[in-house]
Protein backbone atom coordinates (compact mmCIF):
# COMPACT_ATOMS: atom_id res chain seq x y z
CA UNK A 1 38.70 130.75 78.49
CA UNK A 2 36.89 129.01 81.35
CA UNK A 3 37.19 125.80 83.32
CA UNK A 4 37.99 122.81 81.12
CA UNK A 5 35.21 120.26 80.74
CA UNK A 6 37.40 117.38 81.91
CA UNK A 7 37.60 118.84 85.43
CA UNK A 8 41.36 118.77 85.99
CA UNK A 9 41.11 121.59 88.48
CA UNK A 10 38.99 119.50 90.85
CA UNK A 11 41.29 118.51 93.74
CA UNK A 12 39.50 115.15 93.95
CA UNK A 13 39.95 114.48 90.24
CA UNK A 14 42.61 111.85 89.91
CA UNK A 15 42.92 108.39 88.47
CA UNK A 16 40.46 106.16 90.34
CA UNK A 17 40.88 103.09 88.14
CA UNK A 18 44.52 102.38 87.31
CA UNK A 19 43.65 99.46 85.00
CA UNK A 20 41.11 101.57 83.15
CA UNK A 21 43.68 104.34 82.86
CA UNK A 22 46.24 101.93 81.35
CA UNK A 23 43.58 100.71 78.89
CA UNK A 24 42.86 104.34 77.89
CA UNK A 25 46.58 104.88 77.30
CA UNK A 26 46.76 101.64 75.29
CA UNK A 27 43.95 102.97 73.05
CA UNK A 28 45.70 106.33 72.71
CA UNK A 29 48.97 104.58 71.81
CA UNK A 30 47.21 102.46 69.20
CA UNK A 31 45.58 105.56 67.68
CA UNK A 32 48.90 107.42 67.60
CA UNK A 33 50.98 104.48 66.35
CA UNK A 34 52.96 104.26 69.60
CA UNK A 35 54.14 101.11 71.34
CA UNK A 36 53.19 100.68 74.99
CA UNK A 37 55.58 97.92 76.03
CA UNK A 38 54.84 95.74 79.07
CA UNK A 39 57.32 97.65 81.26
CA UNK A 40 55.89 101.01 80.14
CA UNK A 41 52.39 99.77 80.95
CA UNK A 42 53.59 98.47 84.32
CA UNK A 43 55.23 101.78 85.26
CA UNK A 44 52.15 103.68 84.07
CA UNK A 45 49.90 101.48 86.18
CA UNK A 46 52.05 102.03 89.26
CA UNK A 47 52.03 105.80 88.78
CA UNK A 48 48.25 105.71 88.37
CA UNK A 49 47.76 103.46 91.42
CA UNK A 50 49.86 105.72 93.62
CA UNK A 51 47.24 108.46 93.57
CA UNK A 52 49.91 111.01 94.46
CA UNK A 53 53.37 111.95 93.18
CA UNK A 54 55.76 109.00 93.13
CA UNK A 55 59.55 109.06 92.71
CA UNK A 56 61.44 106.99 90.13
CA UNK A 57 63.33 104.90 92.69
CA UNK A 58 60.08 104.15 94.51
CA UNK A 59 58.71 102.95 91.17
CA UNK A 60 61.79 100.79 90.72
CA UNK A 61 61.22 99.21 94.13
CA UNK A 62 57.54 98.61 93.28
CA UNK A 63 58.45 96.98 89.97
CA UNK A 64 60.99 94.73 91.69
CA UNK A 65 58.51 93.76 94.42
CA UNK A 66 55.48 93.17 92.20
CA UNK A 67 54.40 90.70 89.61
CA UNK A 68 54.23 91.24 85.88
CA UNK A 69 56.65 93.00 83.59
CA UNK A 70 59.67 94.17 85.51
CA UNK A 71 63.15 95.51 85.27
CA UNK A 72 65.83 95.75 87.88
CA UNK A 73 67.79 98.62 86.38
CA UNK A 74 67.07 102.32 86.89
CA UNK A 75 67.66 103.18 83.18
CA UNK A 76 64.74 100.94 82.19
CA UNK A 77 62.39 102.78 84.55
CA UNK A 78 63.68 106.17 83.37
CA UNK A 79 63.21 105.19 79.70
CA UNK A 80 59.63 104.15 80.46
CA UNK A 81 59.02 107.44 82.31
CA UNK A 82 60.55 109.43 79.43
CA UNK A 83 58.21 107.73 76.94
CA UNK A 84 55.17 108.32 79.14
CA UNK A 85 56.07 112.00 79.69
CA UNK A 86 56.93 112.67 76.05
CA UNK A 87 53.52 111.41 75.01
CA UNK A 88 51.54 113.30 77.66
CA UNK A 89 50.46 110.29 79.75
CA UNK A 90 52.22 111.44 82.92
CA UNK A 91 53.68 114.68 84.25
CA UNK A 92 56.91 115.24 86.16
CA UNK A 93 56.78 117.53 89.16
CA UNK A 94 60.23 119.05 88.96
CA UNK A 95 60.34 120.56 92.44
CA UNK A 96 59.72 117.22 94.16
CA UNK A 97 61.28 115.04 91.43
CA UNK A 98 58.19 112.85 91.21
CA UNK A 99 55.63 111.73 88.65
CA UNK A 100 51.81 111.84 88.46
CA UNK A 101 49.34 110.43 85.97
CA UNK A 102 47.77 112.90 83.55
CA UNK A 103 44.03 113.15 84.08
CA UNK A 104 43.23 112.90 80.39
CA UNK A 105 45.63 110.57 78.59
CA UNK A 106 43.92 110.98 75.24
CA UNK A 107 45.27 114.51 74.76
CA UNK A 108 48.69 115.47 73.46
CA UNK A 109 51.55 116.57 75.71
CA UNK A 110 50.68 119.88 77.33
CA UNK A 111 51.85 122.33 79.97
CA UNK A 112 49.84 122.55 83.17
CA UNK A 113 50.41 124.28 86.48
CA UNK A 114 50.30 122.11 89.60
CA UNK A 115 49.28 122.85 93.16
CA UNK A 116 51.40 120.71 95.50
CA UNK A 117 50.58 120.25 99.16
CA UNK A 118 53.72 120.32 101.30
CA UNK A 119 52.05 118.33 104.07
CA UNK A 120 50.11 115.44 102.44
CA UNK A 121 52.01 115.66 99.11
CA UNK A 122 48.88 115.60 96.95
CA UNK A 123 49.22 117.32 93.61
CA UNK A 124 46.38 118.94 91.68
CA UNK A 125 46.68 119.33 87.94
CA UNK A 126 45.37 122.85 87.48
CA UNK A 127 44.81 122.87 83.77
CA UNK A 128 44.11 126.44 82.84
CA UNK A 129 44.88 127.56 79.31
CA UNK A 130 44.80 131.21 80.41
CA UNK A 131 47.65 130.73 82.89
CA UNK A 132 49.76 128.84 80.37
CA UNK A 133 49.04 131.38 77.61
CA UNK A 134 49.74 134.33 79.92
CA UNK A 135 53.16 132.97 80.87
CA UNK A 136 53.96 132.31 77.23
CA UNK A 137 52.84 135.79 76.15
CA UNK A 138 54.80 137.54 78.93
CA UNK A 139 57.94 135.58 78.07
CA UNK A 140 57.62 136.41 74.36
CA UNK A 141 56.99 140.09 75.16
CA UNK A 142 60.42 140.08 76.80
CA UNK A 143 62.01 138.51 73.72
CA UNK A 144 62.25 135.10 75.38
CA UNK A 145 61.34 132.04 73.31
CA UNK A 146 59.78 129.50 75.68
CA UNK A 147 60.44 125.82 75.05
CA UNK A 148 58.56 124.34 78.01
CA UNK A 149 56.70 125.45 81.12
CA UNK A 150 56.89 124.11 84.63
CA UNK A 151 54.75 125.95 87.15
CA UNK A 152 54.36 124.40 90.57
CA UNK A 153 52.74 126.20 93.46
CA UNK A 154 53.57 124.83 96.91
CA UNK A 155 51.45 125.31 99.98
CA UNK A 156 48.71 123.51 101.87
CA UNK A 157 45.68 121.89 100.27
CA UNK A 158 42.27 122.82 101.65
CA UNK A 159 42.13 119.75 103.92
CA UNK A 160 45.61 120.29 105.41
CA UNK A 161 44.98 124.02 105.84
CA UNK A 162 41.74 123.23 107.67
CA UNK A 163 43.51 120.74 109.92
CA UNK A 164 46.21 123.30 110.64
CA UNK A 165 43.57 125.91 111.52
CA UNK A 166 41.71 123.41 113.73
CA UNK A 167 44.94 122.47 115.48
CA UNK A 168 45.96 126.09 115.99
CA UNK A 169 42.56 126.86 117.55
CA UNK A 170 42.87 123.92 119.92
CA UNK A 171 46.27 125.05 121.19
CA UNK A 172 45.04 128.60 121.88
CA UNK A 173 42.18 127.43 124.10
């Protein structure tokens, strides 16, 4: 299986239009018979606007500081995040305890590996069915019955690695 047509492995592929993203999720919710409440839509919009992983308490602060639907209790934010994750609209990066918008909200919940830059904190959704299937097959070959997958690779993105190399060269001279 090759590169998906929706381009999730492109490191520059992320949500560029948060309002458009929320509208796409609203359509998906309507088609699936789900209810996107005002607070869920607000949290989704904030995750999409962030453009990088965002933590739940940062979302809570943003909701409190902004206009529109809001809640001043952490459980409300976590319930909204749970709904959005359960329906495949956002992903949780377990290792950094943060959330990112899914690049294609019209698909069902799915497992995807992520590449996470330890310097700039960008996260790339590396949707690759072969990687997911390989992990599942290897687990089952060992008699393990997988329930979910979380694969996060930490390191430096191309831009941060280049900057590090440029900086290292400057200090040697």
